[in-house]
C-alpha atoms as a PDB file:
ATOM      1  CA  GLY A   1     198.840  65.924 144.929  1.00  0.00           C
ATOM      2  CA  GLU A   2     196.855  63.997 147.513  1.00  0.00           C
ATOM      3  CA  ALA A   3     197.773  64.102 151.179  1.00  0.00           C
ATOM      4  CA  LEU A   4     199.640  61.092 152.536  1.00  0.00           C
ATOM      5  CA  ALA A   5     197.409  58.525 154.227  1.00  0.00           C
ATOM      6  CA  LEU A   6     197.110  58.832 157.986  1.00  0.00           C
ATOM      7  CA  PRO A   7     199.181  56.280 159.959  1.00  0.00           C
ATOM      8  CA  ALA A   8     197.377  53.934 162.336  1.00  0.00           C
ATOM      9  CA  TYR A   9     196.618  55.528 165.710  1.00  0.00           C
ATOM     10  CA  THR A  10     195.952  54.397 169.268  1.00  0.00           C
ATOM     11  CA  ILE A  11     193.571  55.978 171.785  1.00  0.00           C
ATOM     12  CA  ASN A  12     195.112  55.266 175.171  1.00  0.00           C
ATOM     13  CA  LEU A  13     192.629  54.722 178.015  1.00  0.00           C
ATOM     14  CA  PRO A  14     193.058  53.346 181.544  1.00  0.00           C
ATOM     15  CA  ALA A  15     192.717  49.551 181.605  1.00  0.00           C
ATOM     16  CA  SER A  16     189.707  49.995 183.870  1.00  0.00           C
ATOM     17  CA  PRO A  17     188.294  53.243 185.191  1.00  0.00           C
ATOM     18  CA  GLY A  18     187.404  51.567 188.490  1.00  0.00           C
ATOM     19  CA  THR A  19     185.056  53.984 190.180  1.00  0.00           C
ATOM     20  CA  PRO A  20     183.694  56.835 188.093  1.00  0.00           C
ATOM     21  CA  GLY A  21     185.807  59.952 188.226  1.00  0.00           C
ATOM     22  CA  GLN A  22     188.445  61.706 186.147  1.00  0.00           C
ATOM     23  CA  ILE A  23     190.490  59.568 183.767  1.00  0.00           C
ATOM     24  CA  PRO A  24     193.493  60.457 181.578  1.00  0.00           C
ATOM     25  CA  ILE A  25     193.258  59.931 177.804  1.00  0.00           C
ATOM     26  CA  SER A  26     195.966  60.297 175.168  1.00  0.00           C
ATOM     27  CA  LEU A  27     196.351  59.589 171.456  1.00  0.00           C
ATOM     28  CA  THR A  28     199.417  58.470 169.510  1.00  0.00           C
ATOM     29  CA  LEU A  29     200.197  57.783 165.845  1.00  0.00           C
ATOM     30  CA  ALA A  30     201.991  54.553 164.943  1.00  0.00           C
ATOM     31  CA  SER A  31     204.535  56.600 162.950  1.00  0.00           C
ATOM     32  CA  PRO A  32     205.265  60.331 162.518  1.00  0.00           C
ATOM     33  CA  TYR A  33     203.311  62.293 159.919  1.00  0.00           C
ATOM     34  CA  PRO A  34     205.307  64.781 157.826  1.00  0.00           C
ATOM     35  CA  ALA A  35     202.793  67.629 158.177  1.00  0.00           C
ATOM     36  CA  ALA A  36     201.195  69.241 161.233  1.00  0.00           C
ATOM     37  CA  LEU A  37     197.748  67.815 162.050  1.00  0.00           C
ATOM     38  CA  THR A  38     194.712  69.072 163.949  1.00  0.00           C
ATOM     39  CA  GLY A  39     191.862  66.970 165.217  1.00  0.00           C
ATOM     40  CA  THR A  40     189.109  66.380 167.724  1.00  0.00           C
ATOM     41  CA  LEU A  41     188.406  63.494 170.060  1.00  0.00           C
ATOM     42  CA  THR A  42     184.685  62.971 170.634  1.00  0.00           C
ATOM     43  CA  VAL A  43     183.097  60.916 173.428  1.00  0.00           C
ATOM     44  CA  SER A  44     179.551  59.539 173.249  1.00  0.00           C
ATOM     45  CA  TYR A  45     177.447  57.598 175.782  1.00  0.00           C
ATOM     46  CA  SER A  46     175.232  54.599 175.120  1.00  0.00           C
ATOM     47  CA  GLY A  47     173.264  52.622 177.694  1.00  0.00           C
ATOM     48  CA  ASP A  48     169.835  52.028 179.217  1.00  0.00           C
ATOM     49  CA  LEU A  49     170.004  55.036 181.562  1.00  0.00           C
ATOM     50  CA  PRO A  50     169.823  58.790 180.946  1.00  0.00           C
ATOM     51  CA  VAL A  51     173.242  60.245 180.083  1.00  0.00           C
ATOM     52  CA  ASP A  52     175.001  61.965 182.996  1.00  0.00           C
ATOM     53  CA  PRO A  53     175.610  65.664 182.186  1.00  0.00           C
ATOM     54  CA  ALA A  54     178.798  65.381 184.254  1.00  0.00           C
ATOM     55  CA  LEU A  55     180.241  63.305 181.375  1.00  0.00           C
ATOM     56  CA  GLN A  56     182.629  65.778 179.766  1.00  0.00           C
ATOM     57  CA  PHE A  57     186.227  66.553 178.991  1.00  0.00           C
ATOM     58  CA  ALA A  58     188.177  68.754 181.400  1.00  0.00           C
ATOM     59  CA  VAL A  59     187.915  71.565 178.827  1.00  0.00           C
ATOM     60  CA  GLY A  60     184.106  71.182 178.905  1.00  0.00           C
ATOM     61  CA  GLY A  61     181.845  69.473 176.412  1.00  0.00           C
ATOM     62  CA  LEU A  62     182.047  66.126 174.627  1.00  0.00           C
ATOM     63  CA  THR A  63     184.878  67.001 172.222  1.00  0.00           C
ATOM     64  CA  ALA A  64     188.536  67.756 172.935  1.00  0.00           C
ATOM     65  CA  ARG A  65     190.681  69.458 170.289  1.00  0.00           C
ATOM     66  CA  PHE A  66     194.273  68.403 169.703  1.00  0.00           C
ATOM     67  CA  THR A  67     197.240  69.065 167.419  1.00  0.00           C
ATOM     68  CA  ILE A  68     200.047  66.748 166.320  1.00  0.00           C
ATOM     69  CA  PRO A  69     203.128  68.731 165.323  1.00  0.00           C
ATOM     70  CA  ALA A  70     204.831  67.675 162.063  1.00  0.00           C
ATOM     71  CA  ASN A  71     207.097  64.619 162.319  1.00  0.00           C
ATOM     72  CA  THR A  72     205.861  63.674 165.810  1.00  0.00           C
ATOM     73  CA  THR A  73     203.445  61.004 167.031  1.00  0.00           C
ATOM     74  CA  ARG A  74     201.789  62.312 170.205  1.00  0.00           C
ATOM     75  CA  ALA A  75     198.638  64.427 170.237  1.00  0.00           C
ATOM     76  CA  VAL A  76     198.887  67.680 172.208  1.00  0.00           C
ATOM     77  CA  PHE A  77     195.673  68.701 173.975  1.00  0.00           C
ATOM     78  CA  GLY A  78     195.755  72.462 174.485  1.00  0.00           C
ATOM     79  CA  ILE A  79     197.767  73.543 177.500  1.00  0.00           C
ATOM     80  CA  THR A  80     197.309  70.163 179.205  1.00  0.00           C
ATOM     81  CA  GLY A  81     200.075  68.567 177.169  1.00  0.00           C
ATOM     82  CA  ASN A  82     200.010  65.000 175.888  1.00  0.00           C
ATOM     83  CA  GLU A  83     196.845  63.956 177.664  1.00  0.00           C
ATOM     84  CA  THR A  84     193.389  65.283 178.292  1.00  0.00           C
ATOM     85  CA  ARG A  85     191.169  64.309 181.199  1.00  0.00           C
ATOM     86  CA  LEU A  86     187.594  63.124 181.076  1.00  0.00           C
ATOM     87  CA  GLN A  87     185.001  63.256 183.843  1.00  0.00           C
ATOM     88  CA  THR A  88     183.199  59.919 183.303  1.00  0.00           C
ATOM     89  CA  GLY A  89     180.012  60.753 185.212  1.00  0.00           C
ATOM     90  CA  THR A  90     178.324  58.293 187.598  1.00  0.00           C
ATOM     91  CA  VAL A  91     175.976  56.350 185.310  1.00  0.00           C
ATOM     92  CA  ALA A  92     176.582  52.794 184.033  1.00  0.00           C
ATOM     93  CA  GLY A  93     176.971  52.460 180.265  1.00  0.00           C
ATOM     94  CA  THR A  94     179.503  52.474 177.447  1.00  0.00           C
ATOM     95  CA  LEU A  95     181.657  55.443 176.479  1.00  0.00           C
ATOM     96  CA  THR A  96     182.897  55.495 172.862  1.00  0.00           C
ATOM     97  CA  PHE A  97     185.871  57.647 171.818  1.00  0.00           C
ATOM     98  CA  THR A  98     186.192  58.591 168.126  1.00  0.00           C
ATOM     99  CA  PRO A  99     188.845  60.916 166.656  1.00  0.00           C
ATOM    100  CA  SER A 100     188.930  63.016 163.500  1.00  0.00           C
ATOM    101  CA  PHE A 101     192.060  64.342 161.759  1.00  0.00           C
ATOM    102  CA  ALA A 102     192.912  67.036 159.232  1.00  0.00           C
ATOM    103  CA  THR A 103     196.066  68.756 157.996  1.00  0.00           C
ATOM    104  CA  GLU A 104     196.706  72.028 159.786  1.00  0.00           C
ATOM    105  CA  ALA A 105     197.547  73.743 156.483  1.00  0.00           C
ATOM    106  CA  GLY A 106     194.630  73.612 154.050  1.00  0.00           C
ATOM    107  CA  GLY A 107     192.412  71.542 156.381  1.00  0.00           C
ATOM    108  CA  VAL A 108     192.553  68.383 154.247  1.00  0.00           C
ATOM    109  CA  THR A 109     190.502  65.707 156.008  1.00  0.00           C
ATOM    110  CA  LEU A 110     192.555  62.609 156.797  1.00  0.00           C
ATOM    111  CA  SER A 111     189.992  60.732 158.886  1.00  0.00           C
ATOM    112  CA  PRO A 112     189.252  57.200 157.672  1.00  0.00           C
ATOM    113  CA  ALA A 113     185.688  56.697 156.397  1.00  0.00           C
ATOM    114  CA  THR A 114     185.011  54.598 159.507  1.00  0.00           C
ATOM    115  CA  PRO A 115     187.537  55.755 162.102  1.00  0.00           C
ATOM    116  CA  ALA A 116     188.671  53.181 164.661  1.00  0.00           C
ATOM    117  CA  SER A 117     187.159  53.982 168.064  1.00  0.00           C
ATOM    118  CA  ARG A 118     187.821  52.811 171.620  1.00  0.00           C
ATOM    119  CA  GLN A 119     185.222  51.924 174.219  1.00  0.00           C
ATOM    120  CA  LEU A 120     185.217  52.127 177.988  1.00  0.00           C
ATOM    121  CA  THR A 121     182.587  50.536 180.214  1.00  0.00           C
ATOM    122  CA  ILE A 122     181.291  52.261 183.327  1.00  0.00           C
ATOM    123  CA  ALA A 123     180.117  49.181 185.178  1.00  0.00           C
ATOM    124  CA  ALA A 124     176.819  48.657 186.957  1.00  0.00           C
ATOM    125  CA  ALA A 125     178.108  48.268 190.509  1.00  0.00           C
ATOM    126  CA  ARG A 126     177.280  48.487 194.197  1.00  0.00           C
ATOM    127  CA  PRO A 127     176.803  52.036 195.487  1.00  0.00           C
ATOM    128  CA  THR A 128     179.745  54.123 196.680  1.00  0.00           C
ATOM    129  CA  LEU A 129     179.350  56.301 199.785  1.00  0.00           C
ATOM    130  CA  GLN A 130     181.514  59.444 199.815  1.00  0.00           C
ATOM    131  CA  THR A 131     180.429  61.501 202.859  1.00  0.00           C
ATOM    132  CA  ILE A 132     178.569  61.011 206.145  1.00  0.00           C
ATOM    133  CA  GLN A 133     177.492  63.542 208.764  1.00  0.00           C
ATOM    134  CA  LEU A 134     175.249  63.916 211.809  1.00  0.00           C
ATOM    135  CA  THR A 135     172.969  66.931 211.692  1.00  0.00           C
ATOM    136  CA  GLY A 136     170.128  68.411 213.764  1.00  0.00           C
ATOM    137  CA  GLN A 137     171.330  66.797 216.976  1.00  0.00           C
ATOM    138  CA  THR A 138     169.104  67.281 220.049  1.00  0.00           C
ATOM    139  CA  ALA A 139     169.119  65.553 223.449  1.00  0.00           C
ATOM    140  CA  ASN A 140     167.135  62.598 222.068  1.00  0.00           C
ATOM    141  CA  SER A 141     167.497  62.701 218.278  1.00  0.00           C
ATOM    142  CA  PHE A 142     169.836  63.192 215.340  1.00  0.00           C
ATOM    143  CA  THR A 143     169.730  62.838 211.572  1.00  0.00           C
ATOM    144  CA  ILE A 144     172.249  60.766 209.628  1.00  0.00           C
ATOM    145  CA  THR A 145     172.990  62.143 206.142  1.00  0.00           C
ATOM    146  CA  VAL A 146     175.075  60.222 203.596  1.00  0.00           C
ATOM    147  CA  ALA A 147     175.984  61.139 200.025  1.00  0.00           C
ATOM    148  CA  GLY A 148     177.410  59.004 197.242  1.00  0.00           C
ATOM    149  CA  PHE A 149     176.544  57.521 193.884  1.00  0.00           C
ATOM    150  CA  SER A 150     174.963  54.402 192.400  1.00  0.00           C
ATOM    151  CA  THR A 151     175.830  53.775 188.734  1.00  0.00           C
ATOM    152  CA  THR A 152     172.563  51.832 188.321  1.00  0.00           C
ATOM    153  CA  ARG A 153     170.571  54.911 189.455  1.00  0.00           C
ATOM    154  CA  SER A 154     168.841  52.732 192.052  1.00  0.00           C
ATOM    155  CA  LEU A 155     168.995  52.063 195.798  1.00  0.00           C
ATOM    156  CA  THR A 156     167.317  49.380 197.887  1.00  0.00           C
ATOM    157  CA  ALA A 157     168.297  50.094 201.495  1.00  0.00           C
ATOM    158  CA  LEU A 158     170.329  52.097 203.962  1.00  0.00           C
ATOM    159  CA  ASN A 159     171.949  49.848 206.573  1.00  0.00           C
ATOM    160  CA  VAL A 160     172.740  51.574 209.868  1.00  0.00           C
ATOM    161  CA  GLU A 161     174.688  50.115 212.785  1.00  0.00           C
ATOM    162  CA  PHE A 162     175.078  51.810 216.180  1.00  0.00           C
ATOM    163  CA  THR A 163     178.093  51.178 218.404  1.00  0.00           C
ATOM    164  CA  PRO A 164     176.856  51.665 222.017  1.00  0.00           C
ATOM    165  CA  ALA A 165     178.700  53.957 224.409  1.00  0.00           C
ATOM    166  CA  PRO A 166     180.791  52.054 227.001  1.00  0.00           C
ATOM    167  CA  GLY A 167     178.564  50.292 229.529  1.00  0.00           C
ATOM    168  CA  VAL A 168     175.354  50.950 227.560  1.00  0.00           C
ATOM    169  CA  GLN A 169     173.012  48.177 226.418  1.00  0.00           C
ATOM    170  CA  LEU A 170     170.965  49.056 223.319  1.00  0.00           C
ATOM    171  CA  SER A 171     167.909  46.913 222.581  1.00  0.00           C
ATOM    172  CA  THR A 172     168.647  47.214 218.834  1.00  0.00           C
ATOM    173  CA  THR A 173     171.904  48.204 217.161  1.00  0.00           C
ATOM    174  CA  ARG A 174     171.151  47.441 213.494  1.00  0.00           C
ATOM    175  CA  PHE A 175     168.535  49.123 211.344  1.00  0.00           C
ATOM    176  CA  THR A 176     167.626  48.607 207.696  1.00  0.00           C
ATOM    177  CA  VAL A 177     165.811  51.513 206.084  1.00  0.00           C
ATOM    178  CA  ASN A 178     163.943  50.489 202.920  1.00  0.00           C
ATOM    179  CA  LEU A 179     164.804  53.024 200.199  1.00  0.00           C
ATOM    180  CA  GLN A 180     163.291  51.201 197.209  1.00  0.00           C
ATOM    181  CA  SER A 181     160.287  53.428 196.523  1.00  0.00           C
ATOM    182  CA  ALA A 182     161.883  56.720 197.630  1.00  0.00           C
ATOM    183  CA  ALA A 183     164.937  56.079 195.437  1.00  0.00           C
ATOM    184  CA  GLN A 184     162.773  55.039 192.497  1.00  0.00           C
ATOM    185  CA  ALA A 185     160.717  58.226 192.795  1.00  0.00           C
ATOM    186  CA  TYR A 186     163.875  60.325 193.033  1.00  0.00           C
ATOM    187  CA  PHE A 187     165.763  58.734 190.126  1.00  0.00           C
ATOM    188  CA  GLN A 188     162.659  58.966 187.915  1.00  0.00           C
ATOM    189  CA  SER A 189     162.249  62.681 188.691  1.00  0.00           C
ATOM    190  CA  ALA A 190     163.343  65.335 186.213  1.00  0.00           C
ATOM    191  CA  ALA A 191     165.344  67.052 188.975  1.00  0.00           C
ATOM    192  CA  SER A 192     167.608  64.014 189.409  1.00  0.00           C
ATOM    193  CA  LEU A 193     168.738  63.961 185.764  1.00  0.00           C
ATOM    194  CA  ALA A 194     171.283  66.710 186.404  1.00  0.00           C
ATOM    195  CA  PHE A 195     173.066  64.522 188.977  1.00  0.00           C
ATOM    196  CA  GLY A 196     173.495  61.185 187.177  1.00  0.00           C
ATOM    197  CA  GLY A 197     173.882  58.417 189.760  1.00  0.00           C
ATOM    198  CA  GLN A 198     174.536  60.768 192.693  1.00  0.00           C
ATOM    199  CA  PHE A 199     172.268  60.768 195.747  1.00  0.00           C
ATOM    200  CA  THR A 200     171.902  62.154 199.261  1.00  0.00           C
ATOM    201  CA  VAL A 201     169.899  60.271 201.917  1.00  0.00           C
ATOM    202  CA  SER A 202     168.893  61.660 205.323  1.00  0.00           C
ATOM    203  CA  VAL A 203     167.352  59.464 208.026  1.00  0.00           C
ATOM    204  CA  PRO A 204     166.237  60.824 211.437  1.00  0.00           C
ATOM    205  CA  PHE A 205     166.591  58.716 214.600  1.00  0.00           C
ATOM    206  CA  THR A 206     164.833  59.377 217.925  1.00  0.00           C
ATOM    207  CA  PHE A 207     165.913  57.839 221.251  1.00  0.00           C
ATOM    208  CA  GLN A 208     163.848  57.020 224.334  1.00  0.00           C
ATOM    209  CA  GLY A 209     165.028  57.345 227.932  1.00  0.00           C
ATOM    210  CA  THR A 210     168.320  58.841 229.090  1.00  0.00           C
ATOM    211  CA  GLY A 211     171.939  58.159 228.265  1.00  0.00           C
ATOM    212  CA  PRO A 212     174.747  57.002 230.586  1.00  0.00           C
ATOM    213  CA  GLY A 213     174.974  58.930 233.872  1.00  0.00           C
ATOM    214  CA  GLY A 214     171.778  60.854 233.149  1.00  0.00           C
ATOM    215  CA  ARG A 215     173.263  62.450 230.032  1.00  0.00           C
ATOM    216  CA  PRO A 216     171.196  63.047 226.851  1.00  0.00           C
ATOM    217  CA  ALA A 217     169.765  59.899 225.273  1.00  0.00           C
ATOM    218  CA  VAL A 218     171.832  60.359 222.102  1.00  0.00           C
ATOM    219  CA  ASN A 219     174.951  59.744 224.197  1.00  0.00           C
ATOM    220  CA  SER A 220     173.925  56.085 224.460  1.00  0.00           C
ATOM    221  CA  VAL A 221     175.529  55.772 221.009  1.00  0.00           C
ATOM    222  CA  ALA A 222     179.282  56.229 220.546  1.00  0.00           C
ATOM    223  CA  SER A 223     179.376  56.006 216.756  1.00  0.00           C
ATOM    224  CA  VAL A 224     177.306  55.155 213.697  1.00  0.00           C
ATOM    225  CA  SER A 225     178.329  53.033 210.688  1.00  0.00           C
ATOM    226  CA  VAL A 226     176.347  53.178 207.431  1.00  0.00           C
ATOM    227  CA  THR A 227     176.253  51.303 204.124  1.00  0.00           C
ATOM    228  CA  ALA A 228     173.867  51.751 201.199  1.00  0.00           C
ATOM    229  CA  SER A 229     172.668  48.885 199.007  1.00  0.00           C
ATOM    230  CA  ASN A 230     171.318  48.367 195.513  1.00  0.00           C
ATOM    231  CA  ASP A 231     170.483  45.095 193.733  1.00  0.00           C
ATOM    232  CA  LEU A 232     174.210  44.376 193.291  1.00  0.00           C
ATOM    233  CA  GLY A 233     175.083  44.551 196.986  1.00  0.00           C
ATOM    234  CA  ALA A 234     176.214  46.877 199.765  1.00  0.00           C
ATOM    235  CA  SER A 235     178.548  49.859 199.472  1.00  0.00           C
ATOM    236  CA  ASN A 236     181.656  50.652 201.447  1.00  0.00           C
ATOM    237  CA  ALA A 237     180.935  51.571 205.077  1.00  0.00           C
ATOM    238  CA  LEU A 238     181.349  55.087 206.475  1.00  0.00           C
ATOM    239  CA  GLN A 239     181.471  55.893 210.194  1.00  0.00           C
ATOM    240  CA  VAL A 240     180.813  58.996 212.238  1.00  0.00           C
ATOM    241  CA  ALA A 241     181.284  59.555 215.973  1.00  0.00           C
ATOM    242  CA  VAL A 242     178.406  60.915 218.050  1.00  0.00           C
ATOM    243  CA  PRO A 243     179.822  64.008 219.829  1.00  0.00           C
END
């Protein structure tokens, strides 16, 4: 006889992934199925930008295998239990999740001709800065290096603000570094494709004169605050103290 029709199913995703990262995904049947099932959940990317190779399930790749024991409703993903995790990558676009089902015994395909899928949008958003550090410090210079991601694979500027050391007057405390052409060249390069929307920016600063009490000129600055911008606005700010 023919296999019983598959009950309706639900792919459970977070309401909104917020920032790109790892998200939990699970799958449930509307009612128990009398036989044990096996299946795969496949994710695909669509959008105007190159796909981020970081887009993959925790087990690796774009498909996650699952089983549904007889007379139960919840998919079991390997040793991770009732949910699998997906690394979304850092590129704006739409992720589509589509499952397939078969009986464990005999491998009878139960997938509907056009299986219901779920979609998740990775939004085009302002950049996110994740790390900041000062490197190559000398008596009158240092380099500010920030790393983060921009889901639009674009950057317009790095905005730097110096907080002067106590009692120091700085002629300028705010600097805007135009990143438009450098970022465009980077994100259009073949080398950048492996990193999705991720970026690292380093900007050197050189100081004239001496610092407070005849100390090195870099000691005129107590700390540095940085944001990065794209066409959608400025990122979160990160700060670092000048030692």
